[in-house]
N, C-alpha and C. Protein backbone atom coordinates (compact mmCIF):
# COMPACT_ATOMS: atom_id res chain seq x y z
N MET A 1 -52.14 -54.80 38.54
CA MET A 1 -51.30 -54.55 37.38
C MET A 1 -49.85 -54.47 37.84
N SER A 2 -48.98 -55.28 37.25
CA SER A 2 -47.58 -55.21 37.65
C SER A 2 -46.92 -54.01 36.99
N PRO A 3 -45.89 -53.50 37.62
CA PRO A 3 -45.28 -52.27 37.11
C PRO A 3 -44.55 -52.49 35.78
N LEU A 4 -44.54 -51.44 35.02
CA LEU A 4 -43.80 -51.41 33.77
C LEU A 4 -42.37 -51.04 34.10
N SER A 5 -41.42 -51.70 33.49
CA SER A 5 -40.03 -51.32 33.69
C SER A 5 -39.37 -51.07 32.34
N ILE A 6 -38.45 -50.12 32.35
CA ILE A 6 -37.68 -49.78 31.15
C ILE A 6 -36.24 -50.13 31.46
N ARG A 7 -35.61 -50.81 30.54
CA ARG A 7 -34.21 -51.21 30.73
C ARG A 7 -33.50 -51.24 29.39
N PRO A 8 -32.15 -51.27 29.42
CA PRO A 8 -31.42 -51.39 28.16
C PRO A 8 -31.77 -52.69 27.44
N ALA A 9 -31.89 -52.62 26.15
CA ALA A 9 -32.18 -53.80 25.34
C ALA A 9 -30.93 -54.66 25.22
N THR A 10 -31.15 -55.96 25.09
CA THR A 10 -30.06 -56.90 24.85
C THR A 10 -30.45 -57.81 23.70
N LEU A 11 -29.49 -58.56 23.21
CA LEU A 11 -29.78 -59.50 22.13
C LEU A 11 -30.79 -60.56 22.55
N ALA A 12 -30.92 -60.81 23.84
CA ALA A 12 -31.92 -61.77 24.33
C ALA A 12 -33.35 -61.29 24.07
N ASP A 13 -33.52 -60.00 23.79
CA ASP A 13 -34.85 -59.43 23.53
C ASP A 13 -35.26 -59.49 22.07
N ILE A 14 -34.38 -59.97 21.20
CA ILE A 14 -34.61 -59.88 19.76
C ILE A 14 -35.88 -60.59 19.31
N SER A 15 -36.21 -61.71 19.87
CA SER A 15 -37.41 -62.43 19.45
C SER A 15 -38.66 -61.57 19.66
N ALA A 16 -38.79 -60.98 20.83
CA ALA A 16 -39.95 -60.13 21.13
C ALA A 16 -39.93 -58.87 20.27
N ILE A 17 -38.77 -58.26 20.13
CA ILE A 17 -38.65 -57.05 19.31
C ILE A 17 -39.05 -57.34 17.87
N THR A 18 -38.59 -58.46 17.35
CA THR A 18 -38.90 -58.85 15.97
C THR A 18 -40.40 -59.03 15.79
N CYS A 19 -41.07 -59.65 16.74
CA CYS A 19 -42.53 -59.86 16.66
C CYS A 19 -43.28 -58.53 16.69
N ILE A 20 -42.88 -57.65 17.59
CA ILE A 20 -43.54 -56.34 17.69
C ILE A 20 -43.37 -55.58 16.38
N TYR A 21 -42.16 -55.58 15.86
CA TYR A 21 -41.90 -54.84 14.63
C TYR A 21 -42.61 -55.47 13.43
N ALA A 22 -42.64 -56.79 13.36
CA ALA A 22 -43.31 -57.48 12.25
C ALA A 22 -44.78 -57.07 12.17
N ASP A 23 -45.44 -56.97 13.31
CA ASP A 23 -46.83 -56.55 13.31
C ASP A 23 -46.97 -55.14 12.75
N ALA A 24 -46.07 -54.25 13.15
CA ALA A 24 -46.11 -52.86 12.64
C ALA A 24 -45.85 -52.82 11.14
N VAL A 25 -44.93 -53.63 10.66
CA VAL A 25 -44.62 -53.65 9.22
C VAL A 25 -45.79 -54.19 8.42
N HIS A 26 -46.34 -55.32 8.86
CA HIS A 26 -47.39 -55.99 8.09
C HIS A 26 -48.74 -55.28 8.13
N HIS A 27 -49.07 -54.66 9.25
CA HIS A 27 -50.42 -54.11 9.42
C HIS A 27 -50.49 -52.60 9.51
N GLY A 28 -49.36 -51.94 9.62
CA GLY A 28 -49.37 -50.50 9.82
C GLY A 28 -48.65 -49.73 8.75
N THR A 29 -48.59 -48.42 8.96
CA THR A 29 -47.91 -47.54 8.02
C THR A 29 -46.89 -46.64 8.73
N ALA A 30 -46.61 -46.93 9.99
CA ALA A 30 -45.58 -46.16 10.70
C ALA A 30 -44.20 -46.48 10.12
N SER A 31 -43.98 -47.75 9.80
CA SER A 31 -42.73 -48.16 9.16
C SER A 31 -42.99 -48.26 7.66
N PHE A 32 -42.03 -47.82 6.88
CA PHE A 32 -42.17 -47.91 5.44
C PHE A 32 -41.53 -49.19 4.88
N GLU A 33 -41.10 -50.10 5.75
CA GLU A 33 -40.63 -51.39 5.25
C GLU A 33 -41.85 -52.16 4.76
N ILE A 34 -41.65 -52.96 3.74
CA ILE A 34 -42.74 -53.74 3.16
C ILE A 34 -42.73 -55.16 3.72
N SER A 35 -41.55 -55.72 3.90
CA SER A 35 -41.39 -57.07 4.46
C SER A 35 -40.68 -56.95 5.79
N ALA A 36 -41.18 -57.67 6.77
CA ALA A 36 -40.57 -57.62 8.10
C ALA A 36 -39.25 -58.39 8.11
N PRO A 37 -38.21 -57.81 8.67
CA PRO A 37 -36.93 -58.52 8.78
C PRO A 37 -37.01 -59.66 9.79
N ASP A 38 -36.16 -60.66 9.60
CA ASP A 38 -36.14 -61.78 10.54
C ASP A 38 -35.27 -61.45 11.76
N GLU A 39 -35.19 -62.37 12.70
CA GLU A 39 -34.44 -62.14 13.93
C GLU A 39 -32.96 -61.89 13.67
N ILE A 40 -32.40 -62.57 12.69
CA ILE A 40 -30.97 -62.37 12.38
C ILE A 40 -30.71 -60.94 11.96
N GLU A 41 -31.58 -60.41 11.09
CA GLU A 41 -31.42 -59.03 10.63
C GLU A 41 -31.68 -58.03 11.75
N MET A 42 -32.69 -58.30 12.57
CA MET A 42 -32.98 -57.40 13.69
C MET A 42 -31.82 -57.39 14.69
N ALA A 43 -31.20 -58.54 14.92
CA ALA A 43 -30.04 -58.61 15.81
C ALA A 43 -28.86 -57.84 15.21
N ARG A 44 -28.68 -57.95 13.90
CA ARG A 44 -27.60 -57.21 13.24
C ARG A 44 -27.82 -55.70 13.40
N ARG A 45 -29.04 -55.26 13.21
CA ARG A 45 -29.35 -53.84 13.34
C ARG A 45 -29.12 -53.36 14.78
N MET A 46 -29.59 -54.15 15.75
CA MET A 46 -29.40 -53.76 17.16
C MET A 46 -27.92 -53.68 17.48
N ASN A 47 -27.16 -54.69 17.10
CA ASN A 47 -25.74 -54.71 17.40
C ASN A 47 -25.03 -53.50 16.80
N GLU A 48 -25.38 -53.15 15.58
CA GLU A 48 -24.78 -51.98 14.93
C GLU A 48 -25.04 -50.71 15.74
N LEU A 49 -26.26 -50.55 16.22
CA LEU A 49 -26.59 -49.37 17.03
C LEU A 49 -25.84 -49.37 18.35
N LEU A 50 -25.81 -50.51 19.01
CA LEU A 50 -25.14 -50.59 20.31
C LEU A 50 -23.64 -50.36 20.20
N VAL A 51 -23.01 -50.88 19.16
CA VAL A 51 -21.58 -50.67 18.94
C VAL A 51 -21.29 -49.18 18.75
N ASP A 52 -22.20 -48.48 18.09
CA ASP A 52 -22.03 -47.04 17.84
C ASP A 52 -22.53 -46.17 18.99
N ARG A 53 -22.84 -46.79 20.13
CA ARG A 53 -23.24 -46.10 21.36
C ARG A 53 -24.59 -45.39 21.28
N PHE A 54 -25.47 -45.85 20.42
CA PHE A 54 -26.81 -45.29 20.38
C PHE A 54 -27.66 -45.97 21.44
N PRO A 55 -28.58 -45.24 22.06
CA PRO A 55 -29.43 -45.85 23.08
C PRO A 55 -30.49 -46.77 22.47
N TYR A 56 -30.75 -47.86 23.18
CA TYR A 56 -31.75 -48.85 22.74
C TYR A 56 -32.36 -49.41 24.01
N VAL A 57 -33.65 -49.24 24.21
CA VAL A 57 -34.31 -49.66 25.44
C VAL A 57 -35.54 -50.51 25.14
N VAL A 58 -35.93 -51.32 26.12
CA VAL A 58 -37.16 -52.10 26.02
C VAL A 58 -38.04 -51.81 27.22
N ALA A 59 -39.35 -52.01 27.03
CA ALA A 59 -40.31 -51.94 28.13
C ALA A 59 -40.73 -53.36 28.45
N GLU A 60 -40.72 -53.68 29.73
CA GLU A 60 -41.14 -54.99 30.19
C GLU A 60 -42.35 -54.84 31.09
N TYR A 61 -43.33 -55.71 30.87
CA TYR A 61 -44.52 -55.74 31.70
C TYR A 61 -44.78 -57.19 32.04
N ALA A 62 -44.86 -57.49 33.32
CA ALA A 62 -45.08 -58.86 33.79
C ALA A 62 -44.08 -59.84 33.18
N GLY A 63 -42.82 -59.40 33.06
CA GLY A 63 -41.76 -60.26 32.56
C GLY A 63 -41.70 -60.42 31.05
N THR A 64 -42.54 -59.68 30.32
CA THR A 64 -42.59 -59.79 28.87
C THR A 64 -42.23 -58.45 28.23
N VAL A 65 -41.41 -58.50 27.20
CA VAL A 65 -41.08 -57.28 26.45
C VAL A 65 -42.32 -56.87 25.66
N VAL A 66 -42.79 -55.64 25.92
CA VAL A 66 -44.02 -55.15 25.29
C VAL A 66 -43.78 -53.92 24.41
N GLY A 67 -42.55 -53.50 24.31
CA GLY A 67 -42.23 -52.37 23.46
C GLY A 67 -40.74 -52.11 23.46
N TYR A 68 -40.30 -51.33 22.51
CA TYR A 68 -38.88 -50.98 22.44
C TYR A 68 -38.73 -49.64 21.75
N ALA A 69 -37.60 -49.02 21.98
CA ALA A 69 -37.28 -47.74 21.36
C ALA A 69 -35.78 -47.64 21.20
N TYR A 70 -35.38 -46.96 20.16
CA TYR A 70 -33.95 -46.72 19.96
C TYR A 70 -33.75 -45.40 19.23
N ALA A 71 -32.55 -44.90 19.34
CA ALA A 71 -32.14 -43.73 18.57
C ALA A 71 -31.05 -44.19 17.61
N ALA A 72 -31.11 -43.65 16.42
CA ALA A 72 -30.12 -43.99 15.39
C ALA A 72 -29.67 -42.70 14.73
N SER A 73 -28.62 -42.80 13.98
CA SER A 73 -28.11 -41.63 13.27
C SER A 73 -29.21 -41.07 12.36
N PHE A 74 -29.39 -39.76 12.40
CA PHE A 74 -30.37 -39.12 11.53
C PHE A 74 -29.91 -39.20 10.07
N ARG A 75 -28.67 -38.94 9.84
CA ARG A 75 -28.03 -39.06 8.53
C ARG A 75 -26.59 -39.50 8.75
N SER A 76 -25.94 -40.02 7.71
CA SER A 76 -24.62 -40.63 7.89
C SER A 76 -23.45 -39.64 7.89
N ARG A 77 -23.59 -38.46 7.37
CA ARG A 77 -22.48 -37.51 7.33
C ARG A 77 -22.09 -37.07 8.74
N LEU A 78 -20.81 -36.86 8.97
CA LEU A 78 -20.28 -36.53 10.29
C LEU A 78 -20.95 -35.32 10.92
N ALA A 79 -21.26 -34.31 10.16
CA ALA A 79 -21.87 -33.10 10.71
C ALA A 79 -23.24 -33.38 11.34
N PHE A 80 -23.90 -34.47 10.93
CA PHE A 80 -25.18 -34.85 11.51
C PHE A 80 -25.03 -35.67 12.79
N ARG A 81 -23.83 -36.03 13.19
CA ARG A 81 -23.60 -36.94 14.32
C ARG A 81 -24.32 -36.52 15.60
N PRO A 82 -24.45 -35.23 15.92
CA PRO A 82 -25.15 -34.85 17.15
C PRO A 82 -26.67 -35.02 17.09
N THR A 83 -27.19 -35.38 15.92
CA THR A 83 -28.63 -35.48 15.72
C THR A 83 -29.04 -36.93 15.53
N VAL A 84 -30.04 -37.37 16.29
CA VAL A 84 -30.53 -38.74 16.19
C VAL A 84 -32.00 -38.75 15.78
N GLU A 85 -32.41 -39.86 15.22
CA GLU A 85 -33.81 -40.11 14.89
C GLU A 85 -34.33 -41.18 15.83
N ASP A 86 -35.49 -40.95 16.41
CA ASP A 86 -36.04 -41.94 17.34
C ASP A 86 -36.99 -42.89 16.63
N SER A 87 -37.10 -44.09 17.19
CA SER A 87 -38.09 -45.08 16.77
C SER A 87 -38.68 -45.69 18.03
N VAL A 88 -40.01 -45.75 18.08
CA VAL A 88 -40.71 -46.31 19.23
C VAL A 88 -41.78 -47.25 18.71
N TYR A 89 -41.75 -48.49 19.20
CA TYR A 89 -42.75 -49.49 18.80
C TYR A 89 -43.29 -50.17 20.05
N VAL A 90 -44.62 -50.31 20.09
CA VAL A 90 -45.29 -50.92 21.24
C VAL A 90 -46.20 -52.04 20.74
N ALA A 91 -46.19 -53.16 21.43
CA ALA A 91 -47.08 -54.28 21.08
C ALA A 91 -48.52 -53.78 21.05
N ILE A 92 -49.27 -54.25 20.08
CA ILE A 92 -50.62 -53.76 19.85
C ILE A 92 -51.50 -53.83 21.11
N GLU A 93 -51.38 -54.88 21.89
CA GLU A 93 -52.22 -55.05 23.08
C GLU A 93 -51.83 -54.11 24.23
N MET A 94 -50.68 -53.44 24.11
CA MET A 94 -50.22 -52.53 25.16
C MET A 94 -50.25 -51.06 24.73
N GLN A 95 -50.75 -50.80 23.54
CA GLN A 95 -50.81 -49.42 23.08
C GLN A 95 -51.83 -48.62 23.87
N ARG A 96 -51.55 -47.32 23.99
CA ARG A 96 -52.40 -46.36 24.72
C ARG A 96 -52.50 -46.69 26.21
N ARG A 97 -51.38 -47.22 26.75
CA ARG A 97 -51.32 -47.54 28.18
C ARG A 97 -50.09 -46.91 28.85
N GLY A 98 -49.46 -45.97 28.17
CA GLY A 98 -48.30 -45.28 28.73
C GLY A 98 -46.96 -45.90 28.41
N VAL A 99 -46.96 -47.00 27.67
CA VAL A 99 -45.70 -47.68 27.35
C VAL A 99 -44.85 -46.81 26.43
N GLY A 100 -45.45 -46.27 25.39
CA GLY A 100 -44.71 -45.41 24.46
C GLY A 100 -44.11 -44.20 25.15
N HIS A 101 -44.89 -43.60 26.05
CA HIS A 101 -44.40 -42.43 26.79
C HIS A 101 -43.19 -42.81 27.65
N ALA A 102 -43.29 -43.93 28.35
CA ALA A 102 -42.18 -44.38 29.20
C ALA A 102 -40.94 -44.67 28.36
N LEU A 103 -41.12 -45.30 27.21
CA LEU A 103 -39.99 -45.59 26.33
C LEU A 103 -39.36 -44.32 25.78
N LEU A 104 -40.17 -43.41 25.28
CA LEU A 104 -39.62 -42.19 24.69
C LEU A 104 -38.93 -41.33 25.75
N THR A 105 -39.50 -41.25 26.94
CA THR A 105 -38.87 -40.49 28.02
C THR A 105 -37.49 -41.06 28.35
N ALA A 106 -37.41 -42.38 28.46
CA ALA A 106 -36.12 -43.04 28.75
C ALA A 106 -35.14 -42.83 27.60
N LEU A 107 -35.63 -42.92 26.37
CA LEU A 107 -34.76 -42.75 25.20
C LEU A 107 -34.18 -41.35 25.16
N ILE A 108 -35.00 -40.35 25.41
CA ILE A 108 -34.53 -38.97 25.44
C ILE A 108 -33.45 -38.80 26.50
N SER A 109 -33.70 -39.34 27.67
CA SER A 109 -32.72 -39.26 28.76
C SER A 109 -31.40 -39.92 28.38
N GLU A 110 -31.48 -41.10 27.80
CA GLU A 110 -30.27 -41.82 27.38
C GLU A 110 -29.52 -41.07 26.27
N ALA A 111 -30.25 -40.50 25.33
CA ALA A 111 -29.61 -39.75 24.24
C ALA A 111 -28.92 -38.50 24.79
N GLN A 112 -29.55 -37.82 25.72
CA GLN A 112 -28.92 -36.64 26.34
C GLN A 112 -27.66 -37.03 27.10
N ALA A 113 -27.70 -38.15 27.79
CA ALA A 113 -26.53 -38.61 28.55
C ALA A 113 -25.36 -38.93 27.63
N ARG A 114 -25.63 -39.25 26.38
CA ARG A 114 -24.59 -39.55 25.40
C ARG A 114 -24.19 -38.30 24.60
N ASP A 115 -24.68 -37.15 25.00
CA ASP A 115 -24.33 -35.85 24.42
C ASP A 115 -24.95 -35.58 23.05
N PHE A 116 -25.96 -36.35 22.65
CA PHE A 116 -26.67 -36.01 21.43
C PHE A 116 -27.43 -34.72 21.69
N ARG A 117 -27.64 -33.89 20.65
CA ARG A 117 -28.18 -32.55 20.85
C ARG A 117 -29.54 -32.29 20.22
N GLN A 118 -29.93 -33.09 19.24
CA GLN A 118 -31.23 -32.93 18.60
C GLN A 118 -31.81 -34.32 18.36
N MET A 119 -33.14 -34.43 18.49
CA MET A 119 -33.82 -35.68 18.17
C MET A 119 -34.92 -35.37 17.17
N ILE A 120 -34.95 -36.17 16.12
CA ILE A 120 -35.93 -36.03 15.05
C ILE A 120 -36.86 -37.23 15.09
N ALA A 121 -38.15 -36.96 14.94
CA ALA A 121 -39.14 -38.02 14.75
C ALA A 121 -39.62 -37.93 13.31
N VAL A 122 -39.53 -39.04 12.60
CA VAL A 122 -40.04 -39.12 11.24
C VAL A 122 -41.26 -40.03 11.32
N ILE A 123 -42.43 -39.43 11.35
CA ILE A 123 -43.67 -40.17 11.59
C ILE A 123 -44.35 -40.46 10.26
N GLY A 124 -44.31 -41.75 9.89
CA GLY A 124 -44.92 -42.17 8.65
C GLY A 124 -46.44 -42.13 8.73
N ASP A 125 -47.05 -41.72 7.65
CA ASP A 125 -48.52 -41.66 7.53
C ASP A 125 -49.16 -40.91 8.68
N PRO A 126 -48.84 -39.62 8.81
CA PRO A 126 -49.37 -38.86 9.95
C PRO A 126 -50.90 -38.83 10.04
N SER A 127 -51.60 -39.08 8.94
CA SER A 127 -53.06 -39.09 9.00
C SER A 127 -53.59 -40.23 9.85
N ASN A 128 -52.79 -41.28 10.05
CA ASN A 128 -53.20 -42.43 10.86
C ASN A 128 -52.35 -42.59 12.12
N GLN A 129 -51.57 -41.61 12.47
CA GLN A 129 -50.65 -41.74 13.59
C GLN A 129 -50.89 -40.68 14.67
N SER A 130 -52.12 -40.37 14.97
CA SER A 130 -52.41 -39.31 15.95
C SER A 130 -51.81 -39.63 17.32
N ALA A 131 -51.78 -40.91 17.70
CA ALA A 131 -51.19 -41.26 19.00
C ALA A 131 -49.69 -40.99 19.01
N SER A 132 -49.01 -41.31 17.93
CA SER A 132 -47.57 -41.06 17.85
C SER A 132 -47.28 -39.56 17.85
N ILE A 133 -48.09 -38.81 17.14
CA ILE A 133 -47.90 -37.36 17.11
C ILE A 133 -48.11 -36.78 18.51
N ALA A 134 -49.18 -37.19 19.18
CA ALA A 134 -49.46 -36.70 20.53
C ALA A 134 -48.34 -37.11 21.49
N LEU A 135 -47.85 -38.34 21.37
CA LEU A 135 -46.75 -38.81 22.21
C LEU A 135 -45.55 -37.89 22.07
N HIS A 136 -45.19 -37.55 20.86
CA HIS A 136 -44.03 -36.70 20.63
C HIS A 136 -44.27 -35.26 21.09
N GLU A 137 -45.47 -34.77 20.88
CA GLU A 137 -45.78 -33.42 21.36
C GLU A 137 -45.65 -33.32 22.88
N VAL A 138 -46.17 -34.31 23.59
CA VAL A 138 -46.07 -34.32 25.06
C VAL A 138 -44.61 -34.36 25.49
N ALA A 139 -43.76 -35.01 24.70
CA ALA A 139 -42.34 -35.13 25.02
C ALA A 139 -41.53 -33.91 24.58
N GLY A 140 -42.20 -32.87 24.09
CA GLY A 140 -41.50 -31.62 23.76
C GLY A 140 -41.11 -31.45 22.31
N PHE A 141 -41.56 -32.33 21.44
CA PHE A 141 -41.26 -32.19 20.02
C PHE A 141 -42.20 -31.17 19.39
N HIS A 142 -41.72 -30.48 18.37
CA HIS A 142 -42.58 -29.57 17.61
C HIS A 142 -42.53 -29.96 16.14
N HIS A 143 -43.56 -29.60 15.42
CA HIS A 143 -43.67 -29.90 14.00
C HIS A 143 -42.69 -29.03 13.22
N VAL A 144 -41.94 -29.65 12.31
CA VAL A 144 -41.01 -28.88 11.48
C VAL A 144 -41.26 -29.05 9.99
N GLY A 145 -42.13 -29.96 9.62
CA GLY A 145 -42.43 -30.09 8.19
C GLY A 145 -43.09 -31.39 7.84
N VAL A 146 -43.56 -31.45 6.61
CA VAL A 146 -44.18 -32.66 6.07
C VAL A 146 -43.53 -32.97 4.73
N LEU A 147 -43.13 -34.21 4.57
CA LEU A 147 -42.66 -34.70 3.28
C LEU A 147 -43.87 -35.39 2.64
N GLU A 148 -44.34 -34.87 1.54
CA GLU A 148 -45.58 -35.36 0.95
C GLU A 148 -45.33 -36.50 -0.04
N CYS A 149 -46.15 -37.53 0.09
CA CYS A 149 -46.17 -38.65 -0.87
C CYS A 149 -44.78 -39.23 -1.11
N VAL A 150 -44.05 -39.52 -0.05
CA VAL A 150 -42.69 -40.04 -0.19
C VAL A 150 -42.61 -41.56 -0.03
N GLY A 151 -43.69 -42.20 0.38
CA GLY A 151 -43.72 -43.65 0.51
C GLY A 151 -44.99 -44.21 -0.13
N PHE A 152 -44.91 -45.45 -0.58
CA PHE A 152 -46.08 -46.11 -1.16
C PHE A 152 -46.20 -47.48 -0.52
N LYS A 153 -47.28 -47.68 0.23
CA LYS A 153 -47.49 -48.92 0.96
C LYS A 153 -48.98 -49.18 1.09
N HIS A 154 -49.36 -50.43 1.09
CA HIS A 154 -50.76 -50.82 1.20
C HIS A 154 -51.63 -50.12 0.16
N GLY A 155 -51.06 -49.93 -1.04
CA GLY A 155 -51.82 -49.39 -2.16
C GLY A 155 -52.07 -47.90 -2.15
N ARG A 156 -51.33 -47.15 -1.31
CA ARG A 156 -51.55 -45.70 -1.30
C ARG A 156 -50.25 -44.95 -1.00
N TRP A 157 -50.22 -43.68 -1.40
CA TRP A 157 -49.09 -42.81 -1.13
C TRP A 157 -49.17 -42.33 0.32
N LEU A 158 -48.00 -42.23 0.95
CA LEU A 158 -47.93 -41.84 2.36
C LEU A 158 -46.99 -40.65 2.55
N ASP A 159 -47.39 -39.78 3.46
CA ASP A 159 -46.56 -38.64 3.86
C ASP A 159 -45.71 -39.02 5.07
N CYS A 160 -44.75 -38.19 5.39
CA CYS A 160 -43.99 -38.28 6.64
C CYS A 160 -44.02 -36.92 7.32
N LEU A 161 -44.38 -36.93 8.58
CA LEU A 161 -44.35 -35.72 9.40
C LEU A 161 -43.01 -35.68 10.11
N LEU A 162 -42.33 -34.54 10.05
CA LEU A 162 -41.07 -34.37 10.76
C LEU A 162 -41.33 -33.55 12.02
N MET A 163 -40.85 -34.07 13.15
CA MET A 163 -40.93 -33.37 14.43
C MET A 163 -39.53 -33.35 15.02
N GLN A 164 -39.26 -32.36 15.86
CA GLN A 164 -37.91 -32.19 16.40
C GLN A 164 -37.96 -31.65 17.81
N ARG A 165 -36.95 -32.01 18.61
CA ARG A 165 -36.77 -31.40 19.93
C ARG A 165 -35.28 -31.35 20.23
N ALA A 166 -34.90 -30.34 20.97
CA ALA A 166 -33.51 -30.22 21.42
C ALA A 166 -33.28 -31.21 22.55
N LEU A 167 -32.05 -31.66 22.66
CA LEU A 167 -31.62 -32.53 23.76
C LEU A 167 -30.54 -31.79 24.55
N GLY A 168 -30.63 -31.83 25.86
CA GLY A 168 -29.62 -31.18 26.69
C GLY A 168 -29.46 -29.73 26.31
N GLU A 169 -28.23 -29.33 26.01
CA GLU A 169 -27.94 -27.94 25.65
C GLU A 169 -28.35 -27.60 24.22
N GLY A 170 -28.82 -28.59 23.48
CA GLY A 170 -29.21 -28.33 22.10
C GLY A 170 -28.08 -27.67 21.33
N ALA A 171 -28.39 -26.59 20.66
CA ALA A 171 -27.41 -25.89 19.82
C ALA A 171 -26.67 -24.79 20.57
N LEU A 172 -26.76 -24.77 21.90
CA LEU A 172 -26.10 -23.70 22.67
C LEU A 172 -24.60 -23.90 22.84
N SER A 173 -24.10 -25.10 22.56
CA SER A 173 -22.66 -25.32 22.64
C SER A 173 -22.26 -26.42 21.66
N SER A 174 -20.97 -26.54 21.45
CA SER A 174 -20.44 -27.50 20.50
C SER A 174 -20.42 -28.91 21.11
N PRO A 175 -20.87 -29.91 20.38
CA PRO A 175 -20.86 -31.29 20.88
C PRO A 175 -19.53 -31.99 20.58
N ASP A 176 -18.45 -31.49 21.15
CA ASP A 176 -17.11 -32.00 20.84
C ASP A 176 -16.97 -33.51 21.03
N SER A 177 -17.66 -34.06 22.04
CA SER A 177 -17.50 -35.49 22.32
C SER A 177 -18.02 -36.35 21.18
N LEU A 178 -18.92 -35.83 20.36
CA LEU A 178 -19.47 -36.61 19.26
C LEU A 178 -18.75 -36.38 17.95
N LEU A 179 -18.14 -35.21 17.80
CA LEU A 179 -17.52 -34.87 16.53
C LEU A 179 -16.01 -35.04 16.50
N GLY A 180 -15.41 -35.24 17.64
CA GLY A 180 -13.98 -35.36 17.68
C GLY A 180 -13.31 -34.02 17.86
N SER A 181 -12.30 -33.78 17.08
CA SER A 181 -11.51 -32.55 17.25
C SER A 181 -12.30 -31.31 16.86
N LYS A 182 -11.83 -30.18 17.35
CA LYS A 182 -12.47 -28.90 17.04
C LYS A 182 -12.29 -28.53 15.57
N GLU A 183 -11.41 -29.23 14.87
CA GLU A 183 -11.22 -28.96 13.44
C GLU A 183 -12.45 -29.29 12.64
N ASN A 184 -13.33 -30.11 13.17
CA ASN A 184 -14.54 -30.52 12.46
C ASN A 184 -15.62 -29.45 12.49
N HIS A 185 -15.40 -28.37 13.24
CA HIS A 185 -16.48 -27.39 13.44
C HIS A 185 -16.43 -26.30 12.40
């Protein structure tokens, strides 16, 4: 078995990322999108995240991208800037082989290095996402709530489980580098 490597994502990875995500959209309930975006849209989304200095990583196995993860703004208001929401997607044939754990570990590290202070996981359809819940629990996330019946996909109502973990110093100090001047506090 060749080693798994985690590296920063680039636009050259968009084809593989788009395929992995399309499978999750069409066959799963982790994403609440109904139609999978094309490569142009996925590239636009990646570029937007990278320009805003959010971490975006891919997992490579035997020279092939087999998963990806990124952090994005949890909400758009400035006061939420220190808080990110994670997304982790793994190709179906590589699930339950440690890829998700490697991606999430790298993502947490990258988010901490950028001075983000909280990470939120919004896990769609928690009744069918035990692996995602376990992945986040192992990474130090704790359950903070459930949003009931907030999505409708594949003919049924879906809940979202909210999980959270502190990054770096968490709430022990002010994240000045993310908010700008002290007047914002």
